[in-house]
């Protein structure tokens, strides 16, 4: 059975937590939004998010196997387009597996839902200007982000599971699971627990969730609630 090793630690988590939250509180102003201090298994780092909508978007992005990397640093991208200087607000920078980059603005639809509104016109300018620099610009609203309640609910649980294993090397657990799936082609979480034991189950689960996150395997997490019956299968099996 796999044995886990601790990865090298940098600055203590408590120090990181206080520093990042202090900056976020200072930048938030007096708005009513929540602050979320989150761990990204994909990027293996912590981020501070500034609203519940950003948190839901974070969960959705972490679940997307087409994404290679994400940066959740709020910034302004200054572009000169058609003689006009535009400061484009960017909440997330996403890089996809095909090498393309997307700048995302995470906002409630608000006035942008009206195609004739100044906000909608400005969004069109941002999209066109970004495209000229070789990236795409997209507004992610609550309608898109919260479209699949089951997926969000499942991945909130999964991310907590993976965060608990953040200081562990999951490679040996992934190797053992790969050997099982090489012959069986699919396995349920319940079978993983039976096969490897309750004491090690959380690490095997985190290991296979990490593989799902990177598109190594497939599952039904977008349609069925996470449970011991959740099945993970190899690509092309049961599709």
C-alpha atoms as a PDB file:
ATOM      1  CA  UNK A   1       0.000   0.000   0.000  1.00  0.00           C
ATOM      2  CA  UNK A   2       1.268   3.471  -0.833  1.00  0.00           C
ATOM      3  CA  UNK A   3       3.128   5.541   1.697  1.00  0.00           C
ATOM      4  CA  UNK A   4       2.959   9.300   1.590  1.00  0.00           C
ATOM      5  CA  UNK A   5       5.748  11.820   2.097  1.00  0.00           C
ATOM      6  CA  UNK A   6       5.456  15.432   3.164  1.00  0.00           C
ATOM      7  CA  UNK A   7       6.383  18.101   0.654  1.00  0.00           C
ATOM      8  CA  UNK A   8       8.734  20.889   1.633  1.00  0.00           C
ATOM      9  CA  UNK A   9       6.942  23.740   3.378  1.00  0.00           C
ATOM     10  CA  UNK A  10       7.601  27.412   2.862  1.00  0.00           C
ATOM     11  CA  UNK A  11       6.233  30.228   4.983  1.00  0.00           C
ATOM     12  CA  UNK A  12       3.965  29.019   7.781  1.00  0.00           C
ATOM     13  CA  UNK A  13       0.325  28.858   6.748  1.00  0.00           C
ATOM     14  CA  UNK A  14      -0.759  31.130   9.584  1.00  0.00           C
ATOM     15  CA  UNK A  15       1.622  33.842   8.428  1.00  0.00           C
ATOM     16  CA  UNK A  16       0.482  33.457   4.804  1.00  0.00           C
ATOM     17  CA  UNK A  17      -3.142  33.580   5.936  1.00  0.00           C
ATOM     18  CA  UNK A  18      -2.772  36.787   7.923  1.00  0.00           C
ATOM     19  CA  UNK A  19      -0.762  38.524   5.197  1.00  0.00           C
ATOM     20  CA  UNK A  20      -3.078  37.729   2.305  1.00  0.00           C
ATOM     21  CA  UNK A  21      -6.233  38.474   4.267  1.00  0.00           C
ATOM     22  CA  UNK A  22      -4.846  41.793   5.496  1.00  0.00           C
ATOM     23  CA  UNK A  23      -4.201  42.864   1.910  1.00  0.00           C
ATOM     24  CA  UNK A  24      -7.639  41.678   0.796  1.00  0.00           C
ATOM     25  CA  UNK A  25      -9.434  43.480   3.610  1.00  0.00           C
ATOM     26  CA  UNK A  26      -7.579  46.651   2.733  1.00  0.00           C
ATOM     27  CA  UNK A  27      -8.563  46.401  -0.931  1.00  0.00           C
ATOM     28  CA  UNK A  28     -12.171  45.418  -0.329  1.00  0.00           C
ATOM     29  CA  UNK A  29     -13.262  48.800   0.965  1.00  0.00           C
ATOM     30  CA  UNK A  30     -16.604  48.997   2.736  1.00  0.00           C
ATOM     31  CA  UNK A  31     -18.578  46.621   0.496  1.00  0.00           C
ATOM     32  CA  UNK A  32     -20.697  43.812   1.932  1.00  0.00           C
ATOM     33  CA  UNK A  33     -18.977  40.979   0.031  1.00  0.00           C
ATOM     34  CA  UNK A  34     -17.595  37.943   1.823  1.00  0.00           C
ATOM     35  CA  UNK A  35     -13.909  37.067   1.754  1.00  0.00           C
ATOM     36  CA  UNK A  36     -12.893  33.491   1.011  1.00  0.00           C
ATOM     37  CA  UNK A  37      -9.430  32.127   1.796  1.00  0.00           C
ATOM     38  CA  UNK A  38      -9.085  29.064  -0.419  1.00  0.00           C
ATOM     39  CA  UNK A  39      -6.543  26.458  -1.446  1.00  0.00           C
ATOM     40  CA  UNK A  40      -6.205  25.522  -5.113  1.00  0.00           C
ATOM     41  CA  UNK A  41      -5.087  21.910  -5.618  1.00  0.00           C
ATOM     42  CA  UNK A  42      -4.496  22.704  -9.289  1.00  0.00           C
ATOM     43  CA  UNK A  43      -2.036  25.515  -8.556  1.00  0.00           C
ATOM     44  CA  UNK A  44      -0.964  24.218  -5.125  1.00  0.00           C
ATOM     45  CA  UNK A  45      -1.310  27.643  -3.584  1.00  0.00           C
ATOM     46  CA  UNK A  46      -3.730  29.767  -1.557  1.00  0.00           C
ATOM     47  CA  UNK A  47      -5.898  32.569  -2.882  1.00  0.00           C
ATOM     48  CA  UNK A  48      -8.172  35.197  -1.395  1.00  0.00           C
ATOM     49  CA  UNK A  49     -11.507  35.619  -3.186  1.00  0.00           C
ATOM     50  CA  UNK A  50     -13.705  38.643  -2.649  1.00  0.00           C
ATOM     51  CA  UNK A  51     -17.264  37.398  -3.001  1.00  0.00           C
ATOM     52  CA  UNK A  52     -19.476  34.330  -2.839  1.00  0.00           C
ATOM     53  CA  UNK A  53     -19.756  34.473  -6.632  1.00  0.00           C
ATOM     54  CA  UNK A  54     -15.971  34.385  -6.969  1.00  0.00           C
ATOM     55  CA  UNK A  55     -15.944  31.363  -4.671  1.00  0.00           C
ATOM     56  CA  UNK A  56     -18.453  29.532  -6.867  1.00  0.00           C
ATOM     57  CA  UNK A  57     -16.439  30.469  -9.947  1.00  0.00           C
ATOM     58  CA  UNK A  58     -13.302  29.145  -8.246  1.00  0.00           C
ATOM     59  CA  UNK A  59     -15.009  25.811  -7.598  1.00  0.00           C
ATOM     60  CA  UNK A  60     -16.158  25.629 -11.219  1.00  0.00           C
ATOM     61  CA  UNK A  61     -12.686  26.464 -12.552  1.00  0.00           C
ATOM     62  CA  UNK A  62     -11.017  23.872 -10.323  1.00  0.00           C
ATOM     63  CA  UNK A  63     -13.375  21.221 -11.703  1.00  0.00           C
ATOM     64  CA  UNK A  64     -12.593  21.997 -15.359  1.00  0.00           C
ATOM     65  CA  UNK A  65     -10.112  19.479 -16.848  1.00  0.00           C
ATOM     66  CA  UNK A  66      -9.508  21.742 -19.854  1.00  0.00           C
ATOM     67  CA  UNK A  67      -7.803  24.340 -17.639  1.00  0.00           C
ATOM     68  CA  UNK A  68      -4.051  24.119 -17.051  1.00  0.00           C
ATOM     69  CA  UNK A  69      -3.584  27.106 -14.764  1.00  0.00           C
ATOM     70  CA  UNK A  70      -5.497  29.920 -13.078  1.00  0.00           C
ATOM     71  CA  UNK A  71      -4.430  33.154 -11.451  1.00  0.00           C
ATOM     72  CA  UNK A  72      -6.981  34.821  -9.177  1.00  0.00           C
ATOM     73  CA  UNK A  73      -5.101  38.118  -8.749  1.00  0.00           C
ATOM     74  CA  UNK A  74      -7.336  41.095  -9.462  1.00  0.00           C
ATOM     75  CA  UNK A  75      -5.668  43.418 -11.942  1.00  0.00           C
ATOM     76  CA  UNK A  76      -6.170  45.982 -14.663  1.00  0.00           C
ATOM     77  CA  UNK A  77      -4.890  45.162 -18.150  1.00  0.00           C
ATOM     78  CA  UNK A  78      -4.080  48.397 -19.960  1.00  0.00           C
ATOM     79  CA  UNK A  79      -4.515  48.157 -23.742  1.00  0.00           C
ATOM     80  CA  UNK A  80      -4.285  50.859 -26.391  1.00  0.00           C
ATOM     81  CA  UNK A  81      -6.857  50.024 -29.057  1.00  0.00           C
ATOM     82  CA  UNK A  82      -7.799  52.234 -31.999  1.00  0.00           C
ATOM     83  CA  UNK A  83      -6.062  55.149 -30.326  1.00  0.00           C
ATOM     84  CA  UNK A  84      -8.029  54.658 -27.109  1.00  0.00           C
ATOM     85  CA  UNK A  85      -6.504  53.543 -23.818  1.00  0.00           C
ATOM     86  CA  UNK A  86      -8.596  50.932 -22.052  1.00  0.00           C
ATOM     87  CA  UNK A  87      -8.094  49.662 -18.506  1.00  0.00           C
ATOM     88  CA  UNK A  88      -9.685  46.233 -18.614  1.00  0.00           C
ATOM     89  CA  UNK A  89     -10.683  44.734 -15.233  1.00  0.00           C
ATOM     90  CA  UNK A  90      -9.516  41.129 -14.924  1.00  0.00           C
ATOM     91  CA  UNK A  91     -10.418  38.928 -11.966  1.00  0.00           C
ATOM     92  CA  UNK A  92      -8.996  35.636 -13.259  1.00  0.00           C
ATOM     93  CA  UNK A  93      -6.451  34.688 -15.905  1.00  0.00           C
ATOM     94  CA  UNK A  94      -7.018  31.189 -17.280  1.00  0.00           C
ATOM     95  CA  UNK A  95      -4.717  29.136 -19.493  1.00  0.00           C
ATOM     96  CA  UNK A  96      -6.279  26.203 -21.320  1.00  0.00           C
ATOM     97  CA  UNK A  97      -4.717  22.942 -22.431  1.00  0.00           C
ATOM     98  CA  UNK A  98      -4.603  24.152 -26.037  1.00  0.00           C
ATOM     99  CA  UNK A  99      -2.411  27.077 -24.966  1.00  0.00           C
ATOM    100  CA  UNK A 100      -5.095  29.767 -25.298  1.00  0.00           C
ATOM    101  CA  UNK A 101      -5.566  32.420 -22.613  1.00  0.00           C
ATOM    102  CA  UNK A 102      -8.799  33.881 -21.277  1.00  0.00           C
ATOM    103  CA  UNK A 103      -9.188  36.960 -19.119  1.00  0.00           C
ATOM    104  CA  UNK A 104     -12.280  36.612 -16.962  1.00  0.00           C
ATOM    105  CA  UNK A 105     -14.398  39.186 -15.222  1.00  0.00           C
ATOM    106  CA  UNK A 106     -16.538  37.604 -12.506  1.00  0.00           C
ATOM    107  CA  UNK A 107     -19.580  39.806 -11.952  1.00  0.00           C
ATOM    108  CA  UNK A 108     -23.335  39.660 -11.553  1.00  0.00           C
ATOM    109  CA  UNK A 109     -24.975  40.377 -14.904  1.00  0.00           C
ATOM    110  CA  UNK A 110     -26.514  43.672 -13.792  1.00  0.00           C
ATOM    111  CA  UNK A 111     -26.723  46.289 -16.542  1.00  0.00           C
ATOM    112  CA  UNK A 112     -24.732  44.125 -18.947  1.00  0.00           C
ATOM    113  CA  UNK A 113     -27.866  42.038 -19.501  1.00  0.00           C
ATOM    114  CA  UNK A 114     -29.192  45.010 -21.493  1.00  0.00           C
ATOM    115  CA  UNK A 115     -27.339  44.950 -24.820  1.00  0.00           C
ATOM    116  CA  UNK A 116     -27.884  48.690 -25.315  1.00  0.00           C
ATOM    117  CA  UNK A 117     -26.565  49.749 -21.915  1.00  0.00           C
ATOM    118  CA  UNK A 118     -23.233  51.598 -21.573  1.00  0.00           C
ATOM    119  CA  UNK A 119     -21.916  48.646 -19.528  1.00  0.00           C
ATOM    120  CA  UNK A 120     -22.700  46.237 -22.371  1.00  0.00           C
ATOM    121  CA  UNK A 121     -21.121  48.527 -24.948  1.00  0.00           C
ATOM    122  CA  UNK A 122     -17.989  48.816 -22.818  1.00  0.00           C
ATOM    123  CA  UNK A 123     -17.844  45.032 -22.452  1.00  0.00           C
ATOM    124  CA  UNK A 124     -17.864  44.758 -26.245  1.00  0.00           C
ATOM    125  CA  UNK A 125     -14.922  47.167 -26.407  1.00  0.00           C
ATOM    126  CA  UNK A 126     -13.003  45.090 -23.876  1.00  0.00           C
ATOM    127  CA  UNK A 127     -13.679  41.868 -25.808  1.00  0.00           C
ATOM    128  CA  UNK A 128     -12.513  43.382 -29.100  1.00  0.00           C
ATOM    129  CA  UNK A 129      -9.399  44.973 -27.585  1.00  0.00           C
ATOM    130  CA  UNK A 130      -8.354  41.775 -25.820  1.00  0.00           C
ATOM    131  CA  UNK A 131      -8.831  39.787 -29.013  1.00  0.00           C
ATOM    132  CA  UNK A 132      -6.341  42.059 -30.795  1.00  0.00           C
ATOM    133  CA  UNK A 133      -3.721  41.091 -28.211  1.00  0.00           C
ATOM    134  CA  UNK A 134      -4.318  37.380 -28.772  1.00  0.00           C
ATOM    135  CA  UNK A 135      -6.438  36.609 -25.721  1.00  0.00           C
ATOM    136  CA  UNK A 136     -10.158  36.264 -25.131  1.00  0.00           C
ATOM    137  CA  UNK A 137     -12.103  38.342 -22.628  1.00  0.00           C
ATOM    138  CA  UNK A 138     -15.266  36.973 -21.096  1.00  0.00           C
ATOM    139  CA  UNK A 139     -17.749  38.067 -18.475  1.00  0.00           C
ATOM    140  CA  UNK A 140     -18.670  35.182 -16.191  1.00  0.00           C
ATOM    141  CA  UNK A 141     -22.006  35.850 -14.505  1.00  0.00           C
ATOM    142  CA  UNK A 142     -24.075  33.997 -11.930  1.00  0.00           C
ATOM    143  CA  UNK A 143     -26.169  32.453 -14.706  1.00  0.00           C
ATOM    144  CA  UNK A 144     -23.189  30.557 -16.131  1.00  0.00           C
ATOM    145  CA  UNK A 145     -21.299  29.943 -12.917  1.00  0.00           C
ATOM    146  CA  UNK A 146     -24.256  28.578 -10.958  1.00  0.00           C
ATOM    147  CA  UNK A 147     -25.847  26.688 -13.820  1.00  0.00           C
ATOM    148  CA  UNK A 148     -24.996  23.225 -12.426  1.00  0.00           C
ATOM    149  CA  UNK A 149     -25.798  22.994  -8.720  1.00  0.00           C
ATOM    150  CA  UNK A 150     -24.802  19.321  -8.479  1.00  0.00           C
ATOM    151  CA  UNK A 151     -21.351  19.926  -9.942  1.00  0.00           C
ATOM    152  CA  UNK A 152     -20.685  22.843  -7.580  1.00  0.00           C
ATOM    153  CA  UNK A 153     -21.902  20.929  -4.537  1.00  0.00           C
ATOM    154  CA  UNK A 154     -19.752  17.915  -5.413  1.00  0.00           C
ATOM    155  CA  UNK A 155     -16.608  19.914  -6.053  1.00  0.00           C
ATOM    156  CA  UNK A 156     -16.965  21.984  -2.895  1.00  0.00           C
ATOM    157  CA  UNK A 157     -16.698  18.703  -0.998  1.00  0.00           C
ATOM    158  CA  UNK A 158     -13.895  17.446  -3.224  1.00  0.00           C
ATOM    159  CA  UNK A 159     -11.813  20.594  -2.814  1.00  0.00           C
ATOM    160  CA  UNK A 160     -12.084  20.349   0.970  1.00  0.00           C
ATOM    161  CA  UNK A 161     -10.978  16.715   0.703  1.00  0.00           C
ATOM    162  CA  UNK A 162      -8.007  17.641  -1.482  1.00  0.00           C
ATOM    163  CA  UNK A 163      -7.035  20.583   0.728  1.00  0.00           C
ATOM    164  CA  UNK A 164      -6.761  18.199   3.679  1.00  0.00           C
ATOM    165  CA  UNK A 165      -4.136  16.256   1.690  1.00  0.00           C
ATOM    166  CA  UNK A 166      -2.214  19.340   0.524  1.00  0.00           C
ATOM    167  CA  UNK A 167       1.015  18.355   2.308  1.00  0.00           C
ATOM    168  CA  UNK A 168       1.032  14.822   0.957  1.00  0.00           C
ATOM    169  CA  UNK A 169       2.495  13.345  -2.188  1.00  0.00           C
ATOM    170  CA  UNK A 170      -0.378  11.648  -4.001  1.00  0.00           C
ATOM    171  CA  UNK A 171       1.787  10.070  -6.713  1.00  0.00           C
ATOM    172  CA  UNK A 172       2.104   6.602  -5.094  1.00  0.00           C
ATOM    173  CA  UNK A 173      -1.645   6.453  -4.504  1.00  0.00           C
ATOM    174  CA  UNK A 174      -2.302   7.483  -8.097  1.00  0.00           C
ATOM    175  CA  UNK A 175       0.077   4.783  -9.322  1.00  0.00           C
ATOM    176  CA  UNK A 176      -1.787   2.087  -7.395  1.00  0.00           C
ATOM    177  CA  UNK A 177      -5.143   3.306  -8.669  1.00  0.00           C
ATOM    178  CA  UNK A 178      -3.799   3.388 -12.227  1.00  0.00           C
ATOM    179  CA  UNK A 179      -2.838  -0.275 -11.961  1.00  0.00           C
ATOM    180  CA  UNK A 180      -6.366  -1.145 -10.833  1.00  0.00           C
ATOM    181  CA  UNK A 181      -8.012   0.894 -13.583  1.00  0.00           C
ATOM    182  CA  UNK A 182      -5.711  -0.561 -16.213  1.00  0.00           C
ATOM    183  CA  UNK A 183      -7.509  -3.866 -15.804  1.00  0.00           C
ATOM    184  CA  UNK A 184     -10.919  -2.946 -14.388  1.00  0.00           C
ATOM    185  CA  UNK A 185     -11.472   0.257 -16.460  1.00  0.00           C
ATOM    186  CA  UNK A 186     -13.691   1.752 -13.751  1.00  0.00           C
ATOM    187  CA  UNK A 187     -13.975   1.876  -9.970  1.00  0.00           C
ATOM    188  CA  UNK A 188     -16.352   3.386  -7.421  1.00  0.00           C
ATOM    189  CA  UNK A 189     -15.349   5.318  -4.323  1.00  0.00           C
ATOM    190  CA  UNK A 190     -16.905   2.539  -2.261  1.00  0.00           C
ATOM    191  CA  UNK A 191     -14.681  -0.022  -3.977  1.00  0.00           C
ATOM    192  CA  UNK A 192     -11.624   2.135  -3.311  1.00  0.00           C
ATOM    193  CA  UNK A 193     -12.459   2.202   0.405  1.00  0.00           C
ATOM    194  CA  UNK A 194     -13.009  -1.568   0.472  1.00  0.00           C
ATOM    195  CA  UNK A 195      -9.845  -2.254  -1.486  1.00  0.00           C
ATOM    196  CA  UNK A 196      -7.418   0.004   0.369  1.00  0.00           C
ATOM    197  CA  UNK A 197      -9.023   0.376   3.792  1.00  0.00           C
ATOM    198  CA  UNK A 198     -10.820   3.134   5.660  1.00  0.00           C
ATOM    199  CA  UNK A 199      -7.622   4.552   7.190  1.00  0.00           C
ATOM    200  CA  UNK A 200      -6.076   5.319   3.781  1.00  0.00           C
ATOM    201  CA  UNK A 201      -9.283   6.044   1.892  1.00  0.00           C
ATOM    202  CA  UNK A 202      -9.093   9.841   2.155  1.00  0.00           C
ATOM    203  CA  UNK A 203      -5.687   9.909   0.453  1.00  0.00           C
ATOM    204  CA  UNK A 204      -6.719   7.508  -2.323  1.00  0.00           C
ATOM    205  CA  UNK A 205      -9.835   9.606  -2.868  1.00  0.00           C
ATOM    206  CA  UNK A 206      -7.794  12.819  -3.031  1.00  0.00           C
ATOM    207  CA  UNK A 207      -5.435  11.105  -5.466  1.00  0.00           C
ATOM    208  CA  UNK A 208      -8.159  10.083  -7.871  1.00  0.00           C
ATOM    209  CA  UNK A 209      -9.914  13.456  -7.578  1.00  0.00           C
ATOM    210  CA  UNK A 210      -6.645  15.081  -8.638  1.00  0.00           C
ATOM    211  CA  UNK A 211      -6.569  12.844 -11.703  1.00  0.00           C
ATOM    212  CA  UNK A 212     -10.163  13.798 -12.498  1.00  0.00           C
ATOM    213  CA  UNK A 213      -9.220  17.452 -12.181  1.00  0.00           C
ATOM    214  CA  UNK A 214      -6.504  17.001 -14.805  1.00  0.00           C
ATOM    215  CA  UNK A 215      -8.657  14.986 -17.196  1.00  0.00           C
ATOM    216  CA  UNK A 216      -6.921  11.647 -16.690  1.00  0.00           C
ATOM    217  CA  UNK A 217     -10.218   9.926 -15.849  1.00  0.00           C
ATOM    218  CA  UNK A 218     -13.916  10.665 -16.222  1.00  0.00           C
ATOM    219  CA  UNK A 219     -16.791  10.589 -13.752  1.00  0.00           C
ATOM    220  CA  UNK A 220     -20.451  11.490 -13.296  1.00  0.00           C
ATOM    221  CA  UNK A 221     -19.857  14.389 -10.909  1.00  0.00           C
ATOM    222  CA  UNK A 222     -21.794  16.781 -13.129  1.00  0.00           C
ATOM    223  CA  UNK A 223     -24.985  14.717 -12.962  1.00  0.00           C
ATOM    224  CA  UNK A 224     -25.043  12.684  -9.719  1.00  0.00           C
ATOM    225  CA  UNK A 225     -24.362  13.585  -6.078  1.00  0.00           C
ATOM    226  CA  UNK A 226     -20.975  12.542  -4.701  1.00  0.00           C
ATOM    227  CA  UNK A 227     -21.267   9.267  -2.777  1.00  0.00           C
ATOM    228  CA  UNK A 228     -19.659   5.865  -2.370  1.00  0.00           C
ATOM    229  CA  UNK A 229     -21.429   4.966  -5.623  1.00  0.00           C
ATOM    230  CA  UNK A 230     -19.575   7.668  -7.562  1.00  0.00           C
ATOM    231  CA  UNK A 231     -17.730   5.906 -10.359  1.00  0.00           C
ATOM    232  CA  UNK A 232     -14.429   6.879 -11.955  1.00  0.00           C
ATOM    233  CA  UNK A 233     -13.620   5.422 -15.354  1.00  0.00           C
ATOM    234  CA  UNK A 234     -10.863   5.579 -17.918  1.00  0.00           C
ATOM    235  CA  UNK A 235     -11.260   7.755 -21.012  1.00  0.00           C
ATOM    236  CA  UNK A 236     -13.497   6.143 -23.639  1.00  0.00           C
ATOM    237  CA  UNK A 237     -15.032   3.658 -21.190  1.00  0.00           C
ATOM    238  CA  UNK A 238     -18.816   3.871 -20.867  1.00  0.00           C
ATOM    239  CA  UNK A 239     -19.119   7.095 -22.872  1.00  0.00           C
END
